Each structure stands twice: as C-alpha cells, then as structure tokens.
Amino acid sequence: MPRRSYAHYCAIARSLDVLGERWTLLIIRELLPGPRRYTELHADLPGVSTDVLAARLKEMEADGLVERRRVAPPTPAWVYQLTPRGRDLLPVLGALASWGSDLLDGKEPTDALRIHWLAIPLARLLEQAARGHGGVVELRVDGARCYLRLDAGGPAPAYDQPAEPGAVLTLSTETAVNLVNERISVTAAVAGGQLTVTGGSALAAALSASAGRDAAVPTLAGNQ
C-alpha cells in the first residue's frame, strides 16, 4: 500500500511523511547507539509485531535512514544501522525527550521500560554537568547498564562497552527518572548520595565536583 502524504509543500510536512509512521522514531531511538540485529530490535520494542517492524525497516531503508549489512565472523549476522542521515535525527529525539520529560509523572504497571530509553535525556544533563570534559560514561541503573559518549560531536548513547569508561555512575531507576523530568539536578543527586560517581578521569572528577558548585541547589523532599 502506498504511503500517504500530507501533500503540503512544507519541510515539516515532508519530514512527517517520512518519520510520522508509528514506530519509525522509536526504531531510530534503538539504532542511535549502534548497529543491532533484527531480534534485538524486536526485543527492545515491546508491542511491535514482526510484520510491522519488517515493513518499517524496509521503508526506512528506502528513505535512506537505515542500512542493512553483514557482520563478519566469528558471529556472522545481519544488522541494521543508521545512515548519516538517520544519525542526524539525534537532536530531534533529544528535543522530543526534553519536551516530553515532564510527562513521565507516573509509571503504569503496563508500561515497558528499558534503561537505555533514558540515555538521551540523561546524556544532555550529564554533558552540562561535565563542563566540557568528554569521554564514555557507564550508567548502572538498578543492575542494568548502558553507555553514553560525551564528546565534541554531542552526547549520544552507545552499546559498545569500553575497556575502561571515563566515569561510572550508579543510581536507581527512580533517581534516573527524577533527573530526566528535572525534579532533581545532577548536582543535587550527587550531593545527596542518590547518584554516585567513580573513576579516575577528568570527566569523573568534573561530575563528582558538580556537587560543590552550588551548595544552594534544592533536593527532593525527604532527601535532605
């Protein structure tokens, strides 16, 4: 079935012709950290059917957002990865995450959650707290792990585990959500012990020192 178009001679409408289909932006979200197998994509997109996922990936390949390539042995497999045009959507997803952060006001029992879904908004906050220091951050959230790259190209989530991350941040899911929806700052979380930073790099030192930059930053009620 041909894809419908708004038929508006407008850059926003043209963008929505490509990106407005259900699941498309969430597939971009899953591929921003790096290449993934089809089975991995399906596992981290709860609710999508195999038929819909396959159809979206074909459309995204045709639109120049995604490409499929063969991974060499010892573990040969086909993976999907973003093209440069697809990676250009990181600021778009960052803006959506920032705009929608206050909508995370309560998790329903039926809501799925993957820790790396919090990576994009957390990356923006940590980049601000790092004050120009770059490197890879390992996030440990209630036992789950994901990685963020903070560098000159802008903050971005990553799947690859570095030999030694520049900083390891340990926090609870509750604290991660409170950071994302700005109920607490990185400064206050470090100062209050909700967020611990370890590592010997300049990045870790900068994130640890954030607690001393503003002694007047408030903490959540009950976490004085």
N, C-alpha and C. Protein backbone atom coordinates (compact mmCIF):
# COMPACT_ATOMS: atom_id res chain seq x y z
N MET A 1 0.85 -1.19 0.00
CA MET A 1 0.00 0.00 0.00
C MET A 1 0.89 1.24 0.00
N PRO A 2 0.64 2.18 -0.94
CA PRO A 2 1.45 3.40 -0.98
C PRO A 2 1.31 4.19 0.32
N ARG A 3 2.40 4.77 0.74
CA ARG A 3 2.37 5.56 1.96
C ARG A 3 1.66 6.88 1.69
N ARG A 4 0.83 7.28 2.63
CA ARG A 4 0.10 8.53 2.48
C ARG A 4 1.01 9.72 2.70
N SER A 5 0.70 10.81 2.05
CA SER A 5 1.47 12.04 2.19
C SER A 5 0.51 13.17 2.57
N TYR A 6 1.02 14.13 3.35
CA TYR A 6 0.23 15.31 3.66
C TYR A 6 0.04 16.19 2.42
N ALA A 7 0.92 16.01 1.45
CA ALA A 7 0.87 16.81 0.21
C ALA A 7 0.92 18.31 0.51
N HIS A 8 1.73 18.67 1.50
CA HIS A 8 2.00 20.08 1.80
C HIS A 8 3.42 20.38 1.35
N TYR A 9 3.61 21.49 0.65
CA TYR A 9 4.96 21.89 0.26
C TYR A 9 5.60 22.62 1.43
N CYS A 10 5.98 21.83 2.42
CA CYS A 10 6.44 22.35 3.70
C CYS A 10 7.46 21.35 4.25
N ALA A 11 8.59 21.83 4.77
CA ALA A 11 9.64 20.93 5.26
C ALA A 11 9.15 20.08 6.43
N ILE A 12 8.32 20.65 7.29
CA ILE A 12 7.80 19.89 8.43
C ILE A 12 6.90 18.76 7.93
N ALA A 13 6.01 19.09 7.01
CA ALA A 13 5.11 18.07 6.47
C ALA A 13 5.88 16.97 5.74
N ARG A 14 6.90 17.37 4.97
CA ARG A 14 7.71 16.38 4.25
C ARG A 14 8.44 15.46 5.25
N SER A 15 8.94 16.06 6.34
CA SER A 15 9.60 15.26 7.37
C SER A 15 8.64 14.27 7.99
N LEU A 16 7.41 14.71 8.25
CA LEU A 16 6.41 13.82 8.84
C LEU A 16 5.98 12.74 7.86
N ASP A 17 6.02 13.03 6.56
CA ASP A 17 5.74 11.98 5.58
C ASP A 17 6.70 10.80 5.77
N VAL A 18 7.95 11.10 6.16
CA VAL A 18 8.97 10.07 6.33
C VAL A 18 8.98 9.51 7.75
N LEU A 19 8.82 10.38 8.73
CA LEU A 19 9.04 10.00 10.13
C LEU A 19 7.75 9.78 10.93
N GLY A 20 6.61 10.11 10.35
CA GLY A 20 5.38 10.12 11.12
C GLY A 20 4.70 8.78 11.29
N GLU A 21 5.18 7.75 10.60
CA GLU A 21 4.57 6.43 10.77
C GLU A 21 4.87 5.88 12.17
N ARG A 22 3.91 5.14 12.72
CA ARG A 22 4.08 4.55 14.04
C ARG A 22 5.33 3.66 14.06
N TRP A 23 6.14 3.79 15.09
CA TRP A 23 7.36 3.03 15.39
C TRP A 23 8.61 3.58 14.72
N THR A 24 8.49 4.42 13.72
CA THR A 24 9.68 4.85 12.99
C THR A 24 10.69 5.55 13.90
N LEU A 25 10.25 6.55 14.65
CA LEU A 25 11.18 7.27 15.52
C LEU A 25 11.71 6.40 16.65
N LEU A 26 10.92 5.43 17.08
CA LEU A 26 11.41 4.53 18.14
C LEU A 26 12.45 3.57 17.60
N ILE A 27 12.36 3.20 16.33
CA ILE A 27 13.42 2.40 15.71
C ILE A 27 14.69 3.23 15.62
N ILE A 28 14.55 4.50 15.27
CA ILE A 28 15.71 5.41 15.27
C ILE A 28 16.33 5.44 16.67
N ARG A 29 15.49 5.56 17.69
CA ARG A 29 15.98 5.58 19.08
C ARG A 29 16.82 4.34 19.38
N GLU A 30 16.35 3.17 18.93
CA GLU A 30 17.06 1.92 19.21
C GLU A 30 18.37 1.81 18.45
N LEU A 31 18.46 2.45 17.29
CA LEU A 31 19.66 2.33 16.46
C LEU A 31 20.67 3.44 16.71
N LEU A 32 20.31 4.48 17.42
CA LEU A 32 21.25 5.57 17.66
C LEU A 32 22.53 5.10 18.37
N PRO A 33 22.45 4.19 19.34
CA PRO A 33 23.68 3.76 20.00
C PRO A 33 24.59 2.89 19.13
N GLY A 34 24.06 2.30 18.05
CA GLY A 34 24.88 1.45 17.20
C GLY A 34 24.06 0.38 16.51
N PRO A 35 24.71 -0.44 15.67
CA PRO A 35 24.00 -1.48 14.90
C PRO A 35 23.34 -2.50 15.81
N ARG A 36 22.21 -3.06 15.32
CA ARG A 36 21.51 -4.08 16.09
C ARG A 36 20.92 -5.12 15.14
N ARG A 37 20.83 -6.34 15.65
CA ARG A 37 20.16 -7.40 14.90
C ARG A 37 18.65 -7.19 14.96
N TYR A 38 17.97 -7.81 14.00
CA TYR A 38 16.51 -7.71 13.97
C TYR A 38 15.91 -8.22 15.29
N THR A 39 16.42 -9.35 15.79
CA THR A 39 15.86 -9.91 17.02
C THR A 39 16.06 -8.98 18.21
N GLU A 40 17.18 -8.26 18.23
CA GLU A 40 17.44 -7.29 19.30
C GLU A 40 16.48 -6.12 19.21
N LEU A 41 16.25 -5.65 18.00
CA LEU A 41 15.29 -4.56 17.81
C LEU A 41 13.90 -4.99 18.28
N HIS A 42 13.49 -6.18 17.88
CA HIS A 42 12.16 -6.65 18.24
C HIS A 42 12.03 -6.80 19.76
N ALA A 43 13.08 -7.26 20.42
CA ALA A 43 13.03 -7.45 21.87
C ALA A 43 12.91 -6.13 22.62
N ASP A 44 13.51 -5.07 22.08
CA ASP A 44 13.50 -3.78 22.77
C ASP A 44 12.44 -2.82 22.25
N LEU A 45 11.52 -3.34 21.46
CA LEU A 45 10.36 -2.56 21.00
C LEU A 45 9.08 -3.33 21.38
N PRO A 46 8.82 -3.46 22.69
CA PRO A 46 7.64 -4.22 23.11
C PRO A 46 6.37 -3.65 22.48
N GLY A 47 5.57 -4.55 21.92
CA GLY A 47 4.30 -4.13 21.33
C GLY A 47 4.30 -4.11 19.81
N VAL A 48 5.47 -4.09 19.19
CA VAL A 48 5.51 -4.07 17.73
C VAL A 48 5.45 -5.50 17.21
N SER A 49 4.68 -5.71 16.16
CA SER A 49 4.60 -7.04 15.55
C SER A 49 5.79 -7.23 14.61
N THR A 50 6.12 -8.48 14.32
CA THR A 50 7.23 -8.74 13.41
C THR A 50 6.95 -8.19 12.01
N ASP A 51 5.69 -8.28 11.58
CA ASP A 51 5.33 -7.78 10.25
C ASP A 51 5.51 -6.27 10.17
N VAL A 52 5.06 -5.56 11.18
CA VAL A 52 5.17 -4.10 11.17
C VAL A 52 6.63 -3.67 11.25
N LEU A 53 7.40 -4.32 12.10
CA LEU A 53 8.81 -3.97 12.23
C LEU A 53 9.54 -4.19 10.91
N ALA A 54 9.29 -5.33 10.27
CA ALA A 54 9.94 -5.60 8.98
C ALA A 54 9.54 -4.56 7.93
N ALA A 55 8.26 -4.18 7.92
CA ALA A 55 7.78 -3.19 6.95
C ALA A 55 8.42 -1.83 7.20
N ARG A 56 8.51 -1.44 8.48
CA ARG A 56 9.11 -0.13 8.80
C ARG A 56 10.58 -0.11 8.40
N LEU A 57 11.29 -1.17 8.67
CA LEU A 57 12.71 -1.20 8.33
C LEU A 57 12.91 -1.09 6.82
N LYS A 58 12.06 -1.75 6.03
CA LYS A 58 12.15 -1.65 4.57
C LYS A 58 11.89 -0.21 4.12
N GLU A 59 10.87 0.42 4.70
CA GLU A 59 10.57 1.82 4.36
C GLU A 59 11.73 2.74 4.73
N MET A 60 12.32 2.49 5.90
CA MET A 60 13.41 3.34 6.36
C MET A 60 14.67 3.15 5.52
N GLU A 61 14.87 1.92 5.02
CA GLU A 61 15.97 1.70 4.07
C GLU A 61 15.72 2.48 2.79
N ALA A 62 14.50 2.42 2.28
CA ALA A 62 14.16 3.13 1.05
C ALA A 62 14.29 4.64 1.21
N ASP A 63 14.04 5.14 2.43
CA ASP A 63 14.13 6.58 2.70
C ASP A 63 15.55 7.03 3.04
N GLY A 64 16.50 6.08 3.06
CA GLY A 64 17.88 6.46 3.31
C GLY A 64 18.20 6.70 4.77
N LEU A 65 17.38 6.18 5.68
CA LEU A 65 17.63 6.36 7.11
C LEU A 65 18.39 5.20 7.72
N VAL A 66 18.20 4.01 7.16
CA VAL A 66 18.75 2.78 7.72
C VAL A 66 19.41 1.98 6.60
N GLU A 67 20.47 1.26 6.96
CA GLU A 67 21.07 0.33 6.01
C GLU A 67 21.31 -1.00 6.71
N ARG A 68 21.30 -2.06 5.91
CA ARG A 68 21.49 -3.42 6.43
C ARG A 68 22.84 -3.91 5.96
N ARG A 69 23.62 -4.50 6.88
CA ARG A 69 24.93 -5.01 6.48
C ARG A 69 25.24 -6.32 7.20
N ARG A 70 26.17 -7.01 6.63
CA ARG A 70 26.58 -8.31 7.16
C ARG A 70 27.74 -8.12 8.15
N VAL A 71 27.62 -8.71 9.32
CA VAL A 71 28.70 -8.69 10.29
C VAL A 71 29.60 -9.89 10.03
N ALA A 72 30.89 -9.66 10.02
CA ALA A 72 31.84 -10.72 9.70
C ALA A 72 31.94 -11.74 10.84
N PRO A 73 32.45 -12.96 10.54
CA PRO A 73 32.69 -13.96 11.58
C PRO A 73 33.60 -13.37 12.66
N PRO A 74 33.63 -13.92 13.89
CA PRO A 74 33.14 -15.26 14.26
C PRO A 74 31.65 -15.34 14.54
N THR A 75 30.94 -14.23 14.59
CA THR A 75 29.50 -14.29 14.82
C THR A 75 28.78 -13.62 13.66
N PRO A 76 28.76 -14.28 12.48
CA PRO A 76 28.15 -13.65 11.31
C PRO A 76 26.65 -13.44 11.51
N ALA A 77 26.19 -12.28 11.11
CA ALA A 77 24.77 -11.96 11.24
C ALA A 77 24.50 -10.71 10.42
N TRP A 78 23.22 -10.48 10.14
CA TRP A 78 22.81 -9.23 9.52
C TRP A 78 22.40 -8.26 10.61
N VAL A 79 22.83 -7.03 10.46
CA VAL A 79 22.46 -5.99 11.42
C VAL A 79 21.92 -4.78 10.67
N TYR A 80 21.14 -4.00 11.38
CA TYR A 80 20.65 -2.72 10.87
C TYR A 80 21.40 -1.60 11.57
N GLN A 81 21.72 -0.57 10.80
CA GLN A 81 22.40 0.58 11.38
C GLN A 81 21.91 1.85 10.70
N LEU A 82 22.06 2.97 11.38
CA LEU A 82 21.64 4.23 10.82
C LEU A 82 22.64 4.73 9.79
N THR A 83 22.13 5.36 8.77
CA THR A 83 22.96 6.08 7.83
C THR A 83 23.30 7.44 8.45
N PRO A 84 24.23 8.21 7.86
CA PRO A 84 24.48 9.55 8.37
C PRO A 84 23.20 10.40 8.46
N ARG A 85 22.31 10.23 7.49
CA ARG A 85 21.05 10.99 7.53
C ARG A 85 20.19 10.54 8.71
N GLY A 86 20.22 9.26 9.01
CA GLY A 86 19.49 8.77 10.16
C GLY A 86 20.08 9.28 11.46
N ARG A 87 21.42 9.30 11.55
CA ARG A 87 22.07 9.79 12.77
C ARG A 87 21.83 11.28 12.98
N ASP A 88 21.53 11.99 11.90
CA ASP A 88 21.23 13.42 12.03
C ASP A 88 19.98 13.68 12.85
N LEU A 89 19.21 12.62 13.14
CA LEU A 89 17.97 12.78 13.90
C LEU A 89 18.21 12.78 15.41
N LEU A 90 19.46 12.61 15.87
CA LEU A 90 19.74 12.63 17.31
C LEU A 90 19.24 13.92 17.96
N PRO A 91 19.50 15.11 17.41
CA PRO A 91 18.97 16.32 18.05
C PRO A 91 17.44 16.36 18.09
N VAL A 92 16.81 15.75 17.08
CA VAL A 92 15.34 15.71 17.05
C VAL A 92 14.83 14.88 18.21
N LEU A 93 15.42 13.70 18.40
CA LEU A 93 14.99 12.85 19.52
C LEU A 93 15.35 13.48 20.85
N GLY A 94 16.49 14.19 20.89
CA GLY A 94 16.84 14.89 22.12
C GLY A 94 15.83 15.96 22.47
N ALA A 95 15.36 16.70 21.46
CA ALA A 95 14.35 17.73 21.70
C ALA A 95 13.03 17.11 22.15
N LEU A 96 12.64 15.99 21.54
CA LEU A 96 11.41 15.31 21.94
C LEU A 96 11.52 14.79 23.37
N ALA A 97 12.70 14.24 23.72
CA ALA A 97 12.89 13.74 25.08
C ALA A 97 12.82 14.87 26.09
N SER A 98 13.41 16.01 25.76
CA SER A 98 13.36 17.15 26.66
C SER A 98 11.94 17.68 26.80
N TRP A 99 11.23 17.79 25.69
CA TRP A 99 9.86 18.31 25.71
C TRP A 99 8.94 17.38 26.50
N GLY A 100 9.15 16.07 26.36
CA GLY A 100 8.24 15.12 26.99
C GLY A 100 8.67 14.65 28.37
N SER A 101 9.76 15.20 28.91
CA SER A 101 10.26 14.69 30.18
C SER A 101 9.27 14.88 31.32
N ASP A 102 8.49 15.97 31.29
CA ASP A 102 7.53 16.18 32.37
C ASP A 102 6.30 15.29 32.24
N LEU A 103 6.22 14.52 31.16
CA LEU A 103 5.12 13.56 31.01
C LEU A 103 5.41 12.24 31.72
N LEU A 104 6.64 12.10 32.22
CA LEU A 104 6.99 10.90 32.98
C LEU A 104 6.62 11.09 34.45
N ASP A 105 5.36 11.40 34.67
CA ASP A 105 4.91 11.72 36.03
C ASP A 105 4.39 10.51 36.78
N GLY A 106 4.40 9.36 36.15
CA GLY A 106 3.93 8.15 36.84
C GLY A 106 4.00 6.98 35.90
N LYS A 107 4.62 5.89 36.35
CA LYS A 107 4.76 4.70 35.52
C LYS A 107 3.61 3.74 35.81
N GLU A 108 2.86 3.41 34.76
CA GLU A 108 1.77 2.47 34.89
C GLU A 108 2.30 1.04 34.95
N PRO A 109 1.57 0.13 35.58
CA PRO A 109 2.04 -1.26 35.65
C PRO A 109 2.25 -1.90 34.29
N THR A 110 1.53 -1.41 33.28
CA THR A 110 1.65 -1.98 31.94
C THR A 110 2.74 -1.32 31.10
N ASP A 111 3.38 -0.27 31.63
CA ASP A 111 4.41 0.44 30.88
C ASP A 111 5.70 -0.37 30.82
N ALA A 112 6.20 -0.58 29.61
CA ALA A 112 7.52 -1.21 29.46
C ALA A 112 8.60 -0.17 29.74
N LEU A 113 9.77 -0.63 30.13
CA LEU A 113 10.90 0.27 30.37
C LEU A 113 12.20 -0.45 30.07
N ARG A 114 13.04 0.19 29.31
CA ARG A 114 14.41 -0.24 29.10
C ARG A 114 15.29 0.93 29.57
N ILE A 115 16.32 0.62 30.32
CA ILE A 115 17.14 1.68 30.90
C ILE A 115 17.74 2.58 29.82
N HIS A 116 18.11 2.01 28.68
CA HIS A 116 18.73 2.85 27.65
C HIS A 116 17.75 3.84 27.04
N TRP A 117 16.45 3.70 27.31
CA TRP A 117 15.50 4.70 26.83
C TRP A 117 15.70 6.03 27.55
N LEU A 118 16.32 5.99 28.72
CA LEU A 118 16.59 7.23 29.47
C LEU A 118 17.93 7.85 29.07
N ALA A 119 18.66 7.18 28.18
CA ALA A 119 20.03 7.61 27.88
C ALA A 119 20.08 8.97 27.20
N ILE A 120 19.20 9.25 26.25
CA ILE A 120 19.29 10.50 25.50
C ILE A 120 19.07 11.71 26.41
N PRO A 121 17.98 11.76 27.21
CA PRO A 121 17.84 12.92 28.09
C PRO A 121 18.91 12.98 29.18
N LEU A 122 19.36 11.84 29.70
CA LEU A 122 20.42 11.85 30.70
C LEU A 122 21.74 12.36 30.10
N ALA A 123 22.01 12.02 28.85
CA ALA A 123 23.24 12.47 28.21
C ALA A 123 23.31 13.99 28.17
N ARG A 124 22.19 14.62 27.87
CA ARG A 124 22.16 16.09 27.82
C ARG A 124 22.48 16.68 29.19
N LEU A 125 21.88 16.12 30.24
CA LEU A 125 22.10 16.64 31.59
C LEU A 125 23.54 16.42 32.05
N LEU A 126 24.09 15.25 31.74
CA LEU A 126 25.45 14.94 32.15
C LEU A 126 26.47 15.77 31.38
N GLU A 127 26.18 16.05 30.12
CA GLU A 127 27.08 16.91 29.34
C GLU A 127 27.17 18.29 29.98
N GLN A 128 26.03 18.81 30.43
CA GLN A 128 26.05 20.12 31.08
C GLN A 128 26.85 20.07 32.37
N ALA A 129 26.69 18.99 33.15
CA ALA A 129 27.39 18.86 34.43
C ALA A 129 28.89 18.63 34.22
N ALA A 130 29.28 18.02 33.09
CA ALA A 130 30.68 17.70 32.84
C ALA A 130 31.52 18.92 32.48
N ARG A 131 30.86 20.01 32.11
CA ARG A 131 31.56 21.28 31.84
C ARG A 131 32.69 21.11 30.81
N GLY A 132 32.37 20.46 29.69
CA GLY A 132 33.33 20.37 28.60
C GLY A 132 34.25 19.17 28.63
N HIS A 133 34.22 18.37 29.68
CA HIS A 133 35.04 17.16 29.74
C HIS A 133 34.33 16.02 29.00
N GLY A 134 35.07 15.34 28.11
CA GLY A 134 34.48 14.28 27.31
C GLY A 134 34.90 12.91 27.78
N GLY A 135 34.28 11.89 27.17
CA GLY A 135 34.60 10.51 27.49
C GLY A 135 33.36 9.65 27.49
N VAL A 136 33.53 8.39 27.87
CA VAL A 136 32.41 7.45 27.93
C VAL A 136 31.96 7.30 29.38
N VAL A 137 30.65 7.40 29.57
CA VAL A 137 30.04 7.22 30.89
C VAL A 137 29.32 5.89 30.90
N GLU A 138 29.57 5.08 31.92
CA GLU A 138 28.81 3.86 32.13
C GLU A 138 27.74 4.14 33.17
N LEU A 139 26.49 3.91 32.80
CA LEU A 139 25.37 4.09 33.72
C LEU A 139 24.97 2.73 34.28
N ARG A 140 24.92 2.63 35.59
CA ARG A 140 24.44 1.42 36.26
C ARG A 140 23.16 1.79 37.00
N VAL A 141 22.07 1.33 36.45
CA VAL A 141 20.75 1.70 36.99
C VAL A 141 20.04 0.43 37.44
N ASP A 142 19.97 0.25 38.75
CA ASP A 142 19.33 -0.94 39.32
C ASP A 142 19.82 -2.23 38.68
N GLY A 143 21.12 -2.32 38.47
CA GLY A 143 21.71 -3.54 37.92
C GLY A 143 21.84 -3.57 36.41
N ALA A 144 21.07 -2.76 35.70
CA ALA A 144 21.18 -2.69 34.24
C ALA A 144 22.26 -1.67 33.87
N ARG A 145 22.86 -1.86 32.69
CA ARG A 145 23.93 -0.97 32.27
C ARG A 145 23.67 -0.43 30.87
N CYS A 146 24.09 0.79 30.66
CA CYS A 146 24.15 1.34 29.31
C CYS A 146 25.27 2.38 29.30
N TYR A 147 25.60 2.87 28.13
CA TYR A 147 26.76 3.73 27.98
C TYR A 147 26.38 5.00 27.22
N LEU A 148 27.11 6.07 27.54
CA LEU A 148 26.92 7.35 26.88
C LEU A 148 28.27 7.90 26.46
N ARG A 149 28.31 8.49 25.28
CA ARG A 149 29.51 9.17 24.83
C ARG A 149 29.30 10.67 24.98
N LEU A 150 30.19 11.32 25.68
CA LEU A 150 30.17 12.77 25.80
C LEU A 150 31.40 13.29 25.09
N ASP A 151 31.20 13.92 23.93
CA ASP A 151 32.35 14.40 23.18
C ASP A 151 31.95 15.60 22.34
N ALA A 152 32.89 16.06 21.52
CA ALA A 152 32.66 17.28 20.74
C ALA A 152 31.52 17.13 19.76
N GLY A 153 31.19 15.90 19.38
CA GLY A 153 30.09 15.69 18.44
C GLY A 153 28.72 15.74 19.09
N GLY A 154 28.68 15.96 20.39
CA GLY A 154 27.42 15.98 21.11
C GLY A 154 27.21 14.68 21.85
N PRO A 155 26.43 14.70 22.92
CA PRO A 155 26.21 13.48 23.70
C PRO A 155 25.37 12.47 22.92
N ALA A 156 25.70 11.20 23.08
CA ALA A 156 24.96 10.16 22.36
C ALA A 156 25.03 8.86 23.15
N PRO A 157 23.96 8.05 23.11
CA PRO A 157 24.02 6.73 23.73
C PRO A 157 24.91 5.80 22.93
N ALA A 158 25.42 4.75 23.58
CA ALA A 158 26.28 3.79 22.91
C ALA A 158 26.00 2.39 23.46
N TYR A 159 26.21 1.37 22.63
CA TYR A 159 26.07 -0.01 23.07
C TYR A 159 27.42 -0.62 23.43
N ASP A 160 28.48 -0.17 22.76
CA ASP A 160 29.79 -0.79 22.96
C ASP A 160 30.34 -0.48 24.34
N GLN A 161 30.81 -1.49 25.02
CA GLN A 161 31.42 -1.32 26.34
C GLN A 161 32.90 -0.99 26.15
N PRO A 162 33.35 0.15 26.65
CA PRO A 162 34.77 0.50 26.50
C PRO A 162 35.61 -0.35 27.45
N ALA A 163 36.93 -0.41 27.17
CA ALA A 163 37.83 -1.13 28.05
C ALA A 163 37.77 -0.56 29.46
N GLU A 164 37.71 0.76 29.53
CA GLU A 164 37.61 1.42 30.83
C GLU A 164 36.84 2.72 30.65
N PRO A 165 35.59 2.80 31.11
CA PRO A 165 34.84 4.05 30.95
C PRO A 165 35.47 5.18 31.73
N GLY A 166 35.26 6.40 31.25
CA GLY A 166 35.80 7.55 31.95
C GLY A 166 35.17 7.78 33.30
N ALA A 167 33.91 7.38 33.44
CA ALA A 167 33.20 7.54 34.71
C ALA A 167 32.12 6.49 34.80
N VAL A 168 31.90 5.97 36.00
CA VAL A 168 30.82 5.02 36.26
C VAL A 168 29.83 5.70 37.20
N LEU A 169 28.58 5.78 36.77
CA LEU A 169 27.53 6.43 37.55
C LEU A 169 26.55 5.36 38.00
N THR A 170 26.30 5.32 39.30
CA THR A 170 25.38 4.34 39.87
C THR A 170 24.20 5.06 40.49
N LEU A 171 23.00 4.63 40.10
CA LEU A 171 21.79 5.29 40.58
C LEU A 171 20.61 4.34 40.42
N SER A 172 19.50 4.71 41.04
CA SER A 172 18.27 3.92 40.92
C SER A 172 17.45 4.40 39.74
N THR A 173 16.49 3.57 39.32
CA THR A 173 15.57 3.98 38.27
C THR A 173 14.80 5.23 38.70
N GLU A 174 14.40 5.28 39.95
CA GLU A 174 13.66 6.44 40.45
C GLU A 174 14.50 7.71 40.31
N THR A 175 15.76 7.64 40.68
CA THR A 175 16.62 8.82 40.55
C THR A 175 16.81 9.19 39.09
N ALA A 176 16.99 8.18 38.22
CA ALA A 176 17.16 8.46 36.79
C ALA A 176 15.94 9.20 36.23
N VAL A 177 14.75 8.75 36.59
CA VAL A 177 13.53 9.41 36.12
C VAL A 177 13.42 10.81 36.71
N ASN A 178 13.77 10.97 37.98
CA ASN A 178 13.72 12.28 38.61
C ASN A 178 14.70 13.26 37.95
N LEU A 179 15.85 12.75 37.51
CA LEU A 179 16.78 13.59 36.76
C LEU A 179 16.19 14.00 35.42
N VAL A 180 15.63 13.01 34.72
CA VAL A 180 15.09 13.28 33.39
C VAL A 180 13.96 14.30 33.43
N ASN A 181 13.05 14.15 34.41
CA ASN A 181 11.94 15.12 34.46
C ASN A 181 12.26 16.33 35.32
N GLU A 182 13.56 16.48 35.66
CA GLU A 182 14.09 17.67 36.32
C GLU A 182 13.47 17.95 37.68
N ARG A 183 13.09 16.89 38.37
CA ARG A 183 12.69 17.04 39.77
C ARG A 183 13.91 17.16 40.68
N ILE A 184 15.05 16.75 40.15
CA ILE A 184 16.31 16.87 40.88
C ILE A 184 17.41 17.10 39.85
N SER A 185 18.44 17.86 40.24
CA SER A 185 19.55 18.13 39.33
C SER A 185 20.67 17.11 39.56
N VAL A 186 21.60 17.04 38.60
CA VAL A 186 22.77 16.20 38.78
C VAL A 186 23.54 16.63 40.02
N THR A 187 23.66 17.94 40.20
CA THR A 187 24.35 18.49 41.36
C THR A 187 23.73 17.99 42.66
N ALA A 188 22.41 18.09 42.77
CA ALA A 188 21.72 17.68 43.99
C ALA A 188 21.78 16.18 44.18
N ALA A 189 21.69 15.41 43.09
CA ALA A 189 21.73 13.96 43.21
C ALA A 189 23.08 13.48 43.71
N VAL A 190 24.16 14.11 43.22
CA VAL A 190 25.50 13.74 43.69
C VAL A 190 25.66 14.15 45.15
N ALA A 191 25.25 15.37 45.47
CA ALA A 191 25.39 15.87 46.84
C ALA A 191 24.56 15.05 47.83
N GLY A 192 23.40 14.59 47.40
CA GLY A 192 22.52 13.86 48.30
C GLY A 192 22.76 12.36 48.34
N GLY A 193 23.71 11.87 47.53
CA GLY A 193 24.04 10.46 47.54
C GLY A 193 23.15 9.58 46.69
N GLN A 194 22.19 10.18 45.97
CA GLN A 194 21.35 9.37 45.07
C GLN A 194 22.11 8.95 43.81
N LEU A 195 23.16 9.70 43.49
CA LEU A 195 23.99 9.41 42.31
C LEU A 195 25.44 9.36 42.76
N THR A 196 26.09 8.20 42.57
CA THR A 196 27.49 8.09 42.92
C THR A 196 28.34 8.03 41.65
N VAL A 197 29.48 8.69 41.70
CA VAL A 197 30.39 8.78 40.56
C VAL A 197 31.72 8.18 40.96
N THR A 198 32.22 7.23 40.15
CA THR A 198 33.54 6.64 40.39
C THR A 198 34.34 6.71 39.10
N GLY A 199 35.67 6.73 39.24
CA GLY A 199 36.55 6.79 38.08
C GLY A 199 37.66 7.79 38.33
N GLY A 200 38.78 7.58 37.63
CA GLY A 200 39.94 8.43 37.86
C GLY A 200 40.17 9.46 36.78
N SER A 201 39.20 9.64 35.87
CA SER A 201 39.38 10.57 34.75
C SER A 201 38.96 11.98 35.13
N ALA A 202 39.34 12.93 34.25
CA ALA A 202 38.91 14.32 34.43
C ALA A 202 37.39 14.42 34.34
N LEU A 203 36.77 13.56 33.51
CA LEU A 203 35.31 13.54 33.40
C LEU A 203 34.68 13.16 34.72
N ALA A 204 35.18 12.08 35.35
CA ALA A 204 34.64 11.66 36.64
C ALA A 204 34.83 12.73 37.70
N ALA A 205 36.00 13.37 37.67
CA ALA A 205 36.26 14.44 38.64
C ALA A 205 35.30 15.61 38.45
N ALA A 206 35.02 15.95 37.18
CA ALA A 206 34.11 17.06 36.91
C ALA A 206 32.69 16.73 37.38
N LEU A 207 32.25 15.50 37.14
CA LEU A 207 30.90 15.12 37.56
C LEU A 207 30.81 15.04 39.08
N SER A 208 31.87 14.56 39.73
CA SER A 208 31.88 14.50 41.20
C SER A 208 31.90 15.89 41.80
N ALA A 209 32.64 16.80 41.15
CA ALA A 209 32.77 18.16 41.67
C ALA A 209 31.53 18.99 41.46
N SER A 210 30.60 18.49 40.62
CA SER A 210 29.38 19.28 40.36
C SER A 210 28.62 19.56 41.63
N ALA A 211 28.75 18.68 42.63
CA ALA A 211 28.00 18.87 43.88
C ALA A 211 28.49 20.08 44.66
N GLY A 212 29.74 20.48 44.42
CA GLY A 212 30.27 21.61 45.16
C GLY A 212 30.10 22.94 44.47
N ARG A 213 29.50 22.94 43.27
CA ARG A 213 29.41 24.18 42.53
C ARG A 213 28.28 25.08 43.00
N ASP A 214 27.26 24.46 43.60
CA ASP A 214 26.11 25.26 44.01
C ASP A 214 25.51 24.64 45.25
N ALA A 215 25.97 25.06 46.39
CA ALA A 215 25.50 24.45 47.65
C ALA A 215 24.04 24.73 47.91
N ALA A 216 23.46 25.66 47.18
CA ALA A 216 22.07 26.04 47.44
C ALA A 216 21.07 25.26 46.60
N VAL A 217 21.56 24.33 45.75
CA VAL A 217 20.63 23.58 44.90
C VAL A 217 19.74 22.71 45.77
N PRO A 218 18.40 22.80 45.61
CA PRO A 218 17.49 22.03 46.46
C PRO A 218 17.49 20.57 46.08
N THR A 219 17.16 19.71 47.02
CA THR A 219 16.96 18.30 46.77
C THR A 219 15.49 17.99 46.90
N LEU A 220 15.12 16.75 46.54
CA LEU A 220 13.74 16.32 46.65
C LEU A 220 13.32 16.30 48.11
N ALA A 221 12.06 16.54 48.35
CA ALA A 221 11.54 16.44 49.71
C ALA A 221 11.78 15.04 50.24
N GLY A 222 12.26 14.97 51.47
CA GLY A 222 12.55 13.68 52.07
C GLY A 222 13.97 13.21 51.82
N ASN A 223 14.75 13.97 50.96
CA ASN A 223 16.12 13.59 50.70
C ASN A 223 17.07 14.68 51.15
N GLN A 224 16.74 15.35 52.23
CA GLN A 224 17.59 16.41 52.74
C GLN A 224 18.89 15.84 53.29
